[in-house]
Amino acid sequence: LRPTSIYGPNDDFEPATSHVTPALVRKVVERQHPIEVWGAGEDVR
């Protein structure tokens, strides 16, 4: 099975290893200031 970008409960939310969706969830819920997004935000998944 060739899945696309999977996310959800029990994901990896660690800053050094997480993928984009869990990384964004962590940054928003923790109210990081500012919220840093790697890249220009235009990548499509």
ModelCIF file with pLDDT and N, C-alpha, C, O atoms, coordinates in Angstrom:
data_MODEL
#
_entry.id   MODEL 
#
_entity.id                         1 
_entity.type                       polymer 
_entity.pdbx_number_of_molecules   1 
#
_entity_poly.entity_id                      1 
_entity_poly.type                           'polypeptide(L)' 
_entity_poly.nstd_linkage                   no 
_entity_poly.nstd_monomer                   no 
_entity_poly.pdbx_seq_one_letter_code       LRPTSIYGPNDDFEPATSHVTPALVRKVVERQHPIEVWGAGEDVR 
_entity_poly.pdbx_seq_one_letter_code_can   LRPTSIYGPNDDFEPATSHVTPALVRKVVERQHPIEVWGAGEDVR 
_entity_poly.pdbx_strand_id                 A 
#
loop_
_entity_poly_seq.entity_id 
_entity_poly_seq.num 
_entity_poly_seq.mon_id 
_entity_poly_seq.hetero 
1 1  LEU n 
1 2  ARG n 
1 3  PRO n 
1 4  THR n 
1 5  SER n 
1 6  ILE n 
1 7  TYR n 
1 8  GLY n 
1 9  PRO n 
1 10 ASN n 
1 11 ASP n 
1 12 ASP n 
1 13 PHE n 
1 14 GLU n 
1 15 PRO n 
1 16 ALA n 
1 17 THR n 
1 18 SER n 
1 19 HIS n 
1 20 VAL n 
1 21 THR n 
1 22 PRO n 
1 23 ALA n 
1 24 LEU n 
1 25 VAL n 
1 26 ARG n 
1 27 LYS n 
1 28 VAL n 
1 29 VAL n 
1 30 GLU n 
1 31 ARG n 
1 32 GLN n 
1 33 HIS n 
1 34 PRO n 
1 35 ILE n 
1 36 GLU n 
1 37 VAL n 
1 38 TRP n 
1 39 GLY n 
1 40 ALA n 
1 41 GLY n 
1 42 GLU n 
1 43 ASP n 
1 44 VAL n 
1 45 ARG n 
#
_struct_asym.id          A 
_struct_asym.entity_id   1 
#
loop_
_ma_qa_metric.id 
_ma_qa_metric.mode 
_ma_qa_metric.name 
_ma_qa_metric.software_group_id 
_ma_qa_metric.type 
1 global pLDDT . pLDDT 
2 local  pLDDT . pLDDT 
#
_ma_qa_metric_global.metric_id      1 
_ma_qa_metric_global.metric_value   92.33 
_ma_qa_metric_global.model_id       1 
_ma_qa_metric_global.ordinal_id     1 
#
loop_
_ma_qa_metric_local.label_asym_id 
_ma_qa_metric_local.label_comp_id 
_ma_qa_metric_local.label_seq_id 
_ma_qa_metric_local.metric_id 
_ma_qa_metric_local.metric_value 
_ma_qa_metric_local.model_id 
_ma_qa_metric_local.ordinal_id 
A LEU 1  2 98.00 1 1  
A ARG 2  2 98.00 1 2  
A PRO 3  2 98.00 1 3  
A THR 4  2 96.00 1 4  
A SER 5  2 95.00 1 5  
A ILE 6  2 97.00 1 6  
A TYR 7  2 97.00 1 7  
A GLY 8  2 98.00 1 8  
A PRO 9  2 96.00 1 9  
A ASN 10 2 94.00 1 10 
A ASP 11 2 94.00 1 11 
A ASP 12 2 90.00 1 12 
A PHE 13 2 90.00 1 13 
A GLU 14 2 87.00 1 14 
A PRO 15 2 82.00 1 15 
A ALA 16 2 75.00 1 16 
A THR 17 2 79.00 1 17 
A SER 18 2 85.00 1 18 
A HIS 19 2 87.00 1 19 
A VAL 20 2 90.00 1 20 
A THR 21 2 95.00 1 21 
A PRO 22 2 95.00 1 22 
A ALA 23 2 93.00 1 23 
A LEU 24 2 96.00 1 24 
A VAL 25 2 96.00 1 25 
A ARG 26 2 96.00 1 26 
A LYS 27 2 96.00 1 27 
A VAL 28 2 96.00 1 28 
A VAL 29 2 96.00 1 29 
A GLU 30 2 94.00 1 30 
A ARG 31 2 95.00 1 31 
A GLN 32 2 94.00 1 32 
A HIS 33 2 92.00 1 33 
A PRO 34 2 94.00 1 34 
A ILE 35 2 94.00 1 35 
A GLU 36 2 93.00 1 36 
A VAL 37 2 92.00 1 37 
A TRP 38 2 87.00 1 38 
A GLY 39 2 87.00 1 39 
A ALA 40 2 88.00 1 40 
A GLY 41 2 91.00 1 41 
A GLU 42 2 91.00 1 42 
A ASP 43 2 92.00 1 43 
A VAL 44 2 94.00 1 44 
A ARG 45 2 92.00 1 45 
#
loop_
_atom_site.group_PDB 
_atom_site.id 
_atom_site.type_symbol 
_atom_site.label_atom_id 
_atom_site.label_alt_id 
_atom_site.label_comp_id 
_atom_site.label_asym_id 
_atom_site.label_entity_id 
_atom_site.label_seq_id 
_atom_site.pdbx_PDB_ins_code 
_atom_site.Cartn_x 
_atom_site.Cartn_y 
_atom_site.Cartn_z 
_atom_site.occupancy 
_atom_site.B_iso_or_equiv 
_atom_site.pdbx_formal_charge 
_atom_site.auth_seq_id 
_atom_site.auth_comp_id 
_atom_site.auth_asym_id 
_atom_site.auth_atom_id 
_atom_site.pdbx_PDB_model_num 
ATOM 1   N N  . LEU A 1 1  ? 0.853  -1.192 0.000  1.00 98.00 ? 1  LEU A N  1 
ATOM 2   C CA . LEU A 1 1  ? 0.000  0.000  0.000  1.00 98.00 ? 1  LEU A CA 1 
ATOM 3   C C  . LEU A 1 1  ? 0.885  1.236  0.000  1.00 98.00 ? 1  LEU A C  1 
ATOM 4   O O  . LEU A 1 1  ? 1.829  1.342  0.783  1.00 98.00 ? 1  LEU A O  1 
ATOM 5   N N  . ARG A 1 2  ? 0.565  2.167  -0.890 1.00 98.00 ? 2  ARG A N  1 
ATOM 6   C CA . ARG A 1 2  ? 1.339  3.401  -1.012 1.00 98.00 ? 2  ARG A CA 1 
ATOM 7   C C  . ARG A 1 2  ? 0.508  4.575  -0.490 1.00 98.00 ? 2  ARG A C  1 
ATOM 8   O O  . ARG A 1 2  ? -0.170 5.247  -1.267 1.00 98.00 ? 2  ARG A O  1 
ATOM 9   N N  . PRO A 1 3  ? 0.557  4.821  0.810  1.00 98.00 ? 3  PRO A N  1 
ATOM 10  C CA . PRO A 1 3  ? -0.264 5.901  1.362  1.00 98.00 ? 3  PRO A CA 1 
ATOM 11  C C  . PRO A 1 3  ? 0.349  7.268  1.115  1.00 98.00 ? 3  PRO A C  1 
ATOM 12  O O  . PRO A 1 3  ? 1.552  7.412  0.897  1.00 98.00 ? 3  PRO A O  1 
ATOM 13  N N  . THR A 1 4  ? -0.522 8.261  1.159  1.00 96.00 ? 4  THR A N  1 
ATOM 14  C CA . THR A 1 4  ? -0.072 9.646  1.115  1.00 96.00 ? 4  THR A CA 1 
ATOM 15  C C  . THR A 1 4  ? 0.298  10.064 2.534  1.00 96.00 ? 4  THR A C  1 
ATOM 16  O O  . THR A 1 4  ? 0.695  9.213  3.330  1.00 96.00 ? 4  THR A O  1 
ATOM 17  N N  . SER A 1 5  ? 0.182  11.328 2.871  1.00 95.00 ? 5  SER A N  1 
ATOM 18  C CA . SER A 1 5  ? 0.600  11.837 4.181  1.00 95.00 ? 5  SER A CA 1 
ATOM 19  C C  . SER A 1 5  ? -0.457 11.503 5.236  1.00 95.00 ? 5  SER A C  1 
ATOM 20  O O  . SER A 1 5  ? -1.518 12.125 5.272  1.00 95.00 ? 5  SER A O  1 
ATOM 21  N N  . ILE A 1 6  ? -0.169 10.526 6.091  1.00 97.00 ? 6  ILE A N  1 
ATOM 22  C CA . ILE A 1 6  ? -1.114 10.084 7.111  1.00 97.00 ? 6  ILE A CA 1 
ATOM 23  C C  . ILE A 1 6  ? -0.944 10.933 8.363  1.00 97.00 ? 6  ILE A C  1 
ATOM 24  O O  . ILE A 1 6  ? 0.171  11.318 8.716  1.00 97.00 ? 6  ILE A O  1 
ATOM 25  N N  . TYR A 1 7  ? -2.047 11.221 9.026  1.00 97.00 ? 7  TYR A N  1 
ATOM 26  C CA . TYR A 1 7  ? -2.000 11.974 10.278 1.00 97.00 ? 7  TYR A CA 1 
ATOM 27  C C  . TYR A 1 7  ? -3.118 11.486 11.192 1.00 97.00 ? 7  TYR A C  1 
ATOM 28  O O  . TYR A 1 7  ? -4.015 10.766 10.752 1.00 97.00 ? 7  TYR A O  1 
ATOM 29  N N  . GLY A 1 8  ? -3.065 11.878 12.466 1.00 98.00 ? 8  GLY A N  1 
ATOM 30  C CA . GLY A 1 8  ? -4.130 11.511 13.392 1.00 98.00 ? 8  GLY A CA 1 
ATOM 31  C C  . GLY A 1 8  ? -3.614 11.247 14.790 1.00 98.00 ? 8  GLY A C  1 
ATOM 32  O O  . GLY A 1 8  ? -2.445 11.512 15.070 1.00 98.00 ? 8  GLY A O  1 
ATOM 33  N N  . PRO A 1 9  ? -4.460 10.726 15.685 1.00 96.00 ? 9  PRO A N  1 
ATOM 34  C CA . PRO A 1 9  ? -4.053 10.385 17.050 1.00 96.00 ? 9  PRO A CA 1 
ATOM 35  C C  . PRO A 1 9  ? -2.868 9.429  17.074 1.00 96.00 ? 9  PRO A C  1 
ATOM 36  O O  . PRO A 1 9  ? -2.767 8.524  16.245 1.00 96.00 ? 9  PRO A O  1 
ATOM 37  N N  . ASN A 1 10 ? -1.970 9.642  18.038 1.00 94.00 ? 10 ASN A N  1 
ATOM 38  C CA . ASN A 1 10 ? -0.737 8.860  18.210 1.00 94.00 ? 10 ASN A CA 1 
ATOM 39  C C  . ASN A 1 10 ? 0.314  9.191  17.158 1.00 94.00 ? 10 ASN A C  1 
ATOM 40  O O  . ASN A 1 10 ? 1.259  8.427  16.965 1.00 94.00 ? 10 ASN A O  1 
ATOM 41  N N  . ASP A 1 11 ? 0.159  10.311 16.485 1.00 94.00 ? 11 ASP A N  1 
ATOM 42  C CA . ASP A 1 11 ? 1.149  10.746 15.503 1.00 94.00 ? 11 ASP A CA 1 
ATOM 43  C C  . ASP A 1 11 ? 2.436  11.165 16.222 1.00 94.00 ? 11 ASP A C  1 
ATOM 44  O O  . ASP A 1 11 ? 2.474  11.275 17.447 1.00 94.00 ? 11 ASP A O  1 
ATOM 45  N N  . ASP A 1 12 ? 3.472  11.393 15.438 1.00 90.00 ? 12 ASP A N  1 
ATOM 46  C CA . ASP A 1 12 ? 4.736  11.905 15.963 1.00 90.00 ? 12 ASP A CA 1 
ATOM 47  C C  . ASP A 1 12 ? 4.669  13.432 15.933 1.00 90.00 ? 12 ASP A C  1 
ATOM 48  O O  . ASP A 1 12 ? 4.627  14.040 14.863 1.00 90.00 ? 12 ASP A O  1 
ATOM 49  N N  . PHE A 1 13 ? 4.659  14.037 17.111 1.00 90.00 ? 13 PHE A N  1 
ATOM 50  C CA . PHE A 1 13 ? 4.569  15.493 17.204 1.00 90.00 ? 13 PHE A CA 1 
ATOM 51  C C  . PHE A 1 13 ? 5.893  16.121 17.617 1.00 90.00 ? 13 PHE A C  1 
ATOM 52  O O  . PHE A 1 13 ? 5.944  17.315 17.911 1.00 90.00 ? 13 PHE A O  1 
ATOM 53  N N  . GLU A 1 14 ? 6.966  15.333 17.643 1.00 87.00 ? 14 GLU A N  1 
ATOM 54  C CA . GLU A 1 14 ? 8.258  15.858 18.053 1.00 87.00 ? 14 GLU A CA 1 
ATOM 55  C C  . GLU A 1 14 ? 8.797  16.840 17.008 1.00 87.00 ? 14 GLU A C  1 
ATOM 56  O O  . GLU A 1 14 ? 8.730  16.560 15.811 1.00 87.00 ? 14 GLU A O  1 
ATOM 57  N N  . PRO A 1 15 ? 9.328  17.982 17.442 1.00 82.00 ? 15 PRO A N  1 
ATOM 58  C CA . PRO A 1 15 ? 9.778  19.015 16.494 1.00 82.00 ? 15 PRO A CA 1 
ATOM 59  C C  . PRO A 1 15 ? 10.808 18.525 15.487 1.00 82.00 ? 15 PRO A C  1 
ATOM 60  O O  . PRO A 1 15 ? 10.780 18.942 14.329 1.00 82.00 ? 15 PRO A O  1 
ATOM 61  N N  . ALA A 1 16 ? 11.709 17.653 15.901 1.00 75.00 ? 16 ALA A N  1 
ATOM 62  C CA . ALA A 1 16 ? 12.805 17.250 15.012 1.00 75.00 ? 16 ALA A CA 1 
ATOM 63  C C  . ALA A 1 16 ? 12.398 16.210 13.983 1.00 75.00 ? 16 ALA A C  1 
ATOM 64  O O  . ALA A 1 16 ? 13.068 16.062 12.960 1.00 75.00 ? 16 ALA A O  1 
ATOM 65  N N  . THR A 1 17 ? 11.306 15.483 14.234 1.00 79.00 ? 17 THR A N  1 
ATOM 66  C CA . THR A 1 17 ? 10.983 14.341 13.385 1.00 79.00 ? 17 THR A CA 1 
ATOM 67  C C  . THR A 1 17 ? 9.583  14.363 12.789 1.00 79.00 ? 17 THR A C  1 
ATOM 68  O O  . THR A 1 17 ? 9.284  13.551 11.913 1.00 79.00 ? 17 THR A O  1 
ATOM 69  N N  . SER A 1 18 ? 8.717  15.265 13.232 1.00 85.00 ? 18 SER A N  1 
ATOM 70  C CA . SER A 1 18 ? 7.324  15.238 12.779 1.00 85.00 ? 18 SER A CA 1 
ATOM 71  C C  . SER A 1 18 ? 7.181  15.712 11.345 1.00 85.00 ? 18 SER A C  1 
ATOM 72  O O  . SER A 1 18 ? 7.987  16.499 10.848 1.00 85.00 ? 18 SER A O  1 
ATOM 73  N N  . HIS A 1 19 ? 6.133  15.217 10.685 1.00 87.00 ? 19 HIS A N  1 
ATOM 74  C CA . HIS A 1 19 ? 5.773  15.689 9.354  1.00 87.00 ? 19 HIS A CA 1 
ATOM 75  C C  . HIS A 1 19 ? 4.932  16.950 9.470  1.00 87.00 ? 19 HIS A C  1 
ATOM 76  O O  . HIS A 1 19 ? 4.645  17.413 10.574 1.00 87.00 ? 19 HIS A O  1 
ATOM 77  N N  . VAL A 1 20 ? 4.540  17.502 8.333  1.00 90.00 ? 20 VAL A N  1 
ATOM 78  C CA . VAL A 1 20 ? 3.990  18.855 8.333  1.00 90.00 ? 20 VAL A CA 1 
ATOM 79  C C  . VAL A 1 20 ? 2.682  18.979 9.109  1.00 90.00 ? 20 VAL A C  1 
ATOM 80  O O  . VAL A 1 20 ? 2.529  19.927 9.879  1.00 90.00 ? 20 VAL A O  1 
ATOM 81  N N  . THR A 1 21 ? 1.733  18.059 8.937  1.00 95.00 ? 21 THR A N  1 
ATOM 82  C CA . THR A 1 21 ? 0.433  18.226 9.589  1.00 95.00 ? 21 THR A CA 1 
ATOM 83  C C  . THR A 1 21 ? 0.533  18.145 11.109 1.00 95.00 ? 21 THR A C  1 
ATOM 84  O O  . THR A 1 21 ? 0.028  19.047 11.777 1.00 95.00 ? 21 THR A O  1 
ATOM 85  N N  . PRO A 1 22 ? 1.159  17.113 11.704 1.00 95.00 ? 22 PRO A N  1 
ATOM 86  C CA . PRO A 1 22 ? 1.300  17.112 13.161 1.00 95.00 ? 22 PRO A CA 1 
ATOM 87  C C  . PRO A 1 22 ? 2.141  18.279 13.676 1.00 95.00 ? 22 PRO A C  1 
ATOM 88  O O  . PRO A 1 22 ? 1.891  18.791 14.767 1.00 95.00 ? 22 PRO A O  1 
ATOM 89  N N  . ALA A 1 23 ? 3.134  18.699 12.896 1.00 93.00 ? 23 ALA A N  1 
ATOM 90  C CA . ALA A 1 23 ? 3.951  19.843 13.315 1.00 93.00 ? 23 ALA A CA 1 
ATOM 91  C C  . ALA A 1 23 ? 3.093  21.100 13.428 1.00 93.00 ? 23 ALA A C  1 
ATOM 92  O O  . ALA A 1 23 ? 3.240  21.870 14.377 1.00 93.00 ? 23 ALA A O  1 
ATOM 93  N N  . LEU A 1 24 ? 2.200  21.308 12.463 1.00 96.00 ? 24 LEU A N  1 
ATOM 94  C CA . LEU A 1 24 ? 1.325  22.478 12.503 1.00 96.00 ? 24 LEU A CA 1 
ATOM 95  C C  . LEU A 1 24 ? 0.312  22.387 13.633 1.00 96.00 ? 24 LEU A C  1 
ATOM 96  O O  . LEU A 1 24 ? 0.016  23.388 14.286 1.00 96.00 ? 24 LEU A O  1 
ATOM 97  N N  . VAL A 1 25 ? -0.223 21.188 13.868 1.00 96.00 ? 25 VAL A N  1 
ATOM 98  C CA . VAL A 1 25 ? -1.152 20.999 14.988 1.00 96.00 ? 25 VAL A CA 1 
ATOM 99  C C  . VAL A 1 25 ? -0.474 21.391 16.290 1.00 96.00 ? 25 VAL A C  1 
ATOM 100 O O  . VAL A 1 25 ? -1.050 22.127 17.091 1.00 96.00 ? 25 VAL A O  1 
ATOM 101 N N  . ARG A 1 26 ? 0.734  20.912 16.508 1.00 96.00 ? 26 ARG A N  1 
ATOM 102 C CA . ARG A 1 26 ? 1.455  21.220 17.747 1.00 96.00 ? 26 ARG A CA 1 
ATOM 103 C C  . ARG A 1 26 ? 1.682  22.725 17.893 1.00 96.00 ? 26 ARG A C  1 
ATOM 104 O O  . ARG A 1 26 ? 1.459  23.285 18.966 1.00 96.00 ? 26 ARG A O  1 
ATOM 105 N N  . LYS A 1 27 ? 2.113  23.363 16.842 1.00 96.00 ? 27 LYS A N  1 
ATOM 106 C CA . LYS A 1 27 ? 2.425  24.792 16.916 1.00 96.00 ? 27 LYS A CA 1 
ATOM 107 C C  . LYS A 1 27 ? 1.196  25.636 17.213 1.00 96.00 ? 27 LYS A C  1 
ATOM 108 O O  . LYS A 1 27 ? 1.272  26.610 17.963 1.00 96.00 ? 27 LYS A O  1 
ATOM 109 N N  . VAL A 1 28 ? 0.060  25.262 16.623 1.00 96.00 ? 28 VAL A N  1 
ATOM 110 C CA . VAL A 1 28 ? -1.169 26.023 16.847 1.00 96.00 ? 28 VAL A CA 1 
ATOM 111 C C  . VAL A 1 28 ? -1.708 25.778 18.251 1.00 96.00 ? 28 VAL A C  1 
ATOM 112 O O  . VAL A 1 28 ? -2.002 26.733 18.970 1.00 96.00 ? 28 VAL A O  1 
ATOM 113 N N  . VAL A 1 29 ? -1.840 24.531 18.650 1.00 96.00 ? 29 VAL A N  1 
ATOM 114 C CA . VAL A 1 29 ? -2.429 24.201 19.955 1.00 96.00 ? 29 VAL A CA 1 
ATOM 115 C C  . VAL A 1 29 ? -1.573 24.758 21.093 1.00 96.00 ? 29 VAL A C  1 
ATOM 116 O O  . VAL A 1 29 ? -2.104 25.187 22.117 1.00 96.00 ? 29 VAL A O  1 
ATOM 117 N N  . GLU A 1 30 ? -0.262 24.752 20.918 1.00 94.00 ? 30 GLU A N  1 
ATOM 118 C CA . GLU A 1 30 ? 0.626  25.290 21.943 1.00 94.00 ? 30 GLU A CA 1 
ATOM 119 C C  . GLU A 1 30 ? 0.780  26.804 21.862 1.00 94.00 ? 30 GLU A C  1 
ATOM 120 O O  . GLU A 1 30 ? 1.490  27.410 22.664 1.00 94.00 ? 30 GLU A O  1 
ATOM 121 N N  . ARG A 1 31 ? 0.115  27.402 20.895 1.00 95.00 ? 31 ARG A N  1 
ATOM 122 C CA . ARG A 1 31 ? 0.125  28.864 20.722 1.00 95.00 ? 31 ARG A CA 1 
ATOM 123 C C  . ARG A 1 31 ? 1.553  29.406 20.601 1.00 95.00 ? 31 ARG A C  1 
ATOM 124 O O  . ARG A 1 31 ? 1.928  30.381 21.252 1.00 95.00 ? 31 ARG A O  1 
ATOM 125 N N  . GLN A 1 32 ? 2.323  28.747 19.757 1.00 94.00 ? 32 GLN A N  1 
ATOM 126 C CA . GLN A 1 32 ? 3.670  29.231 19.511 1.00 94.00 ? 32 GLN A CA 1 
ATOM 127 C C  . GLN A 1 32 ? 3.610  30.609 18.848 1.00 94.00 ? 32 GLN A C  1 
ATOM 128 O O  . GLN A 1 32 ? 2.740  30.874 18.018 1.00 94.00 ? 32 GLN A O  1 
ATOM 129 N N  . HIS A 1 33 ? 4.534  31.468 19.222 1.00 92.00 ? 33 HIS A N  1 
ATOM 130 C CA . HIS A 1 33 ? 4.527  32.833 18.685 1.00 92.00 ? 33 HIS A CA 1 
ATOM 131 C C  . HIS A 1 33 ? 5.948  33.238 18.297 1.00 92.00 ? 33 HIS A C  1 
ATOM 132 O O  . HIS A 1 33 ? 6.819  33.374 19.156 1.00 92.00 ? 33 HIS A O  1 
ATOM 133 N N  . PRO A 1 34 ? 6.173  33.428 17.014 1.00 94.00 ? 34 PRO A N  1 
ATOM 134 C CA . PRO A 1 34 ? 5.222  33.233 15.921 1.00 94.00 ? 34 PRO A CA 1 
ATOM 135 C C  . PRO A 1 34 ? 5.110  31.748 15.552 1.00 94.00 ? 34 PRO A C  1 
ATOM 136 O O  . PRO A 1 34 ? 5.887  30.922 16.030 1.00 94.00 ? 34 PRO A O  1 
ATOM 137 N N  . ILE A 1 35 ? 4.139  31.423 14.698 1.00 94.00 ? 35 ILE A N  1 
ATOM 138 C CA . ILE A 1 35 ? 4.025  30.081 14.134 1.00 94.00 ? 35 ILE A CA 1 
ATOM 139 C C  . ILE A 1 35 ? 4.893  30.039 12.888 1.00 94.00 ? 35 ILE A C  1 
ATOM 140 O O  . ILE A 1 35 ? 4.578  30.661 11.873 1.00 94.00 ? 35 ILE A O  1 
ATOM 141 N N  . GLU A 1 36 ? 5.985  29.301 12.978 1.00 93.00 ? 36 GLU A N  1 
ATOM 142 C CA . GLU A 1 36 ? 6.927  29.217 11.860 1.00 93.00 ? 36 GLU A CA 1 
ATOM 143 C C  . GLU A 1 36 ? 6.539  28.066 10.944 1.00 93.00 ? 36 GLU A C  1 
ATOM 144 O O  . GLU A 1 36 ? 6.333  26.942 11.400 1.00 93.00 ? 36 GLU A O  1 
ATOM 145 N N  . VAL A 1 37 ? 6.442  28.349 9.666  1.00 92.00 ? 37 VAL A N  1 
ATOM 146 C CA . VAL A 1 37 ? 6.110  27.340 8.666  1.00 92.00 ? 37 VAL A CA 1 
ATOM 147 C C  . VAL A 1 37 ? 7.300  27.177 7.735  1.00 92.00 ? 37 VAL A C  1 
ATOM 148 O O  . VAL A 1 37 ? 7.754  28.147 7.128  1.00 92.00 ? 37 VAL A O  1 
ATOM 149 N N  . TRP A 1 38 ? 7.802  25.969 7.621  1.00 87.00 ? 38 TRP A N  1 
ATOM 150 C CA . TRP A 1 38 ? 8.923  25.721 6.725  1.00 87.00 ? 38 TRP A CA 1 
ATOM 151 C C  . TRP A 1 38 ? 8.459  25.801 5.279  1.00 87.00 ? 38 TRP A C  1 
ATOM 152 O O  . TRP A 1 38 ? 7.409  25.267 4.922  1.00 87.00 ? 38 TRP A O  1 
ATOM 153 N N  . GLY A 1 39 ? 9.251  26.474 4.451  1.00 87.00 ? 39 GLY A N  1 
ATOM 154 C CA . GLY A 1 39 ? 8.878  26.672 3.060  1.00 87.00 ? 39 GLY A CA 1 
ATOM 155 C C  . GLY A 1 39 ? 7.953  27.865 2.913  1.00 87.00 ? 39 GLY A C  1 
ATOM 156 O O  . GLY A 1 39 ? 7.774  28.657 3.838  1.00 87.00 ? 39 GLY A O  1 
ATOM 157 N N  . ALA A 1 40 ? 7.369  27.973 1.724  1.00 88.00 ? 40 ALA A N  1 
ATOM 158 C CA . ALA A 1 40 ? 6.502  29.113 1.426  1.00 88.00 ? 40 ALA A CA 1 
ATOM 159 C C  . ALA A 1 40 ? 5.031  28.814 1.671  1.00 88.00 ? 40 ALA A C  1 
ATOM 160 O O  . ALA A 1 40 ? 4.180  29.677 1.458  1.00 88.00 ? 40 ALA A O  1 
ATOM 161 N N  . GLY A 1 41 ? 4.724  27.597 2.120  1.00 91.00 ? 41 GLY A N  1 
ATOM 162 C CA . GLY A 1 41 ? 3.332  27.240 2.392  1.00 91.00 ? 41 GLY A CA 1 
ATOM 163 C C  . GLY A 1 41 ? 2.559  26.817 1.163  1.00 91.00 ? 41 GLY A C  1 
ATOM 164 O O  . GLY A 1 41 ? 1.343  26.634 1.224  1.00 91.00 ? 41 GLY A O  1 
ATOM 165 N N  . GLU A 1 42 ? 3.252  26.659 0.046  1.00 91.00 ? 42 GLU A N  1 
ATOM 166 C CA . GLU A 1 42 ? 2.571  26.350 -1.216 1.00 91.00 ? 42 GLU A CA 1 
ATOM 167 C C  . GLU A 1 42 ? 2.606  24.868 -1.577 1.00 91.00 ? 42 GLU A C  1 
ATOM 168 O O  . GLU A 1 42 ? 1.899  24.442 -2.490 1.00 91.00 ? 42 GLU A O  1 
ATOM 169 N N  . ASP A 1 43 ? 3.420  24.073 -0.872 1.00 92.00 ? 43 ASP A N  1 
ATOM 170 C CA . ASP A 1 43 ? 3.467  22.635 -1.159 1.00 92.00 ? 43 ASP A CA 1 
ATOM 171 C C  . ASP A 1 43 ? 2.079  22.021 -0.980 1.00 92.00 ? 43 ASP A C  1 
ATOM 172 O O  . ASP A 1 43 ? 1.362  22.356 -0.037 1.00 92.00 ? 43 ASP A O  1 
ATOM 173 N N  . VAL A 1 44 ? 1.708  21.129 -1.884 1.00 94.00 ? 44 VAL A N  1 
ATOM 174 C CA . VAL A 1 44 ? 0.376  20.520 -1.869 1.00 94.00 ? 44 VAL A CA 1 
ATOM 175 C C  . VAL A 1 44 ? 0.499  19.042 -1.538 1.00 94.00 ? 44 VAL A C  1 
ATOM 176 O O  . VAL A 1 44 ? 1.310  18.322 -2.120 1.00 94.00 ? 44 VAL A O  1 
ATOM 177 N N  . ARG A 1 45 ? -0.331 18.603 -0.583 1.00 92.00 ? 45 ARG A N  1 
ATOM 178 C CA . ARG A 1 45 ? -0.325 17.211 -0.162 1.00 92.00 ? 45 ARG A CA 1 
ATOM 179 C C  . ARG A 1 45 ? -1.741 16.653 -0.098 1.00 92.00 ? 45 ARG A C  1 
ATOM 180 O O  . ARG A 1 45 ? -1.930 15.485 0.241  1.00 92.00 ? 45 ARG A O  1 
#
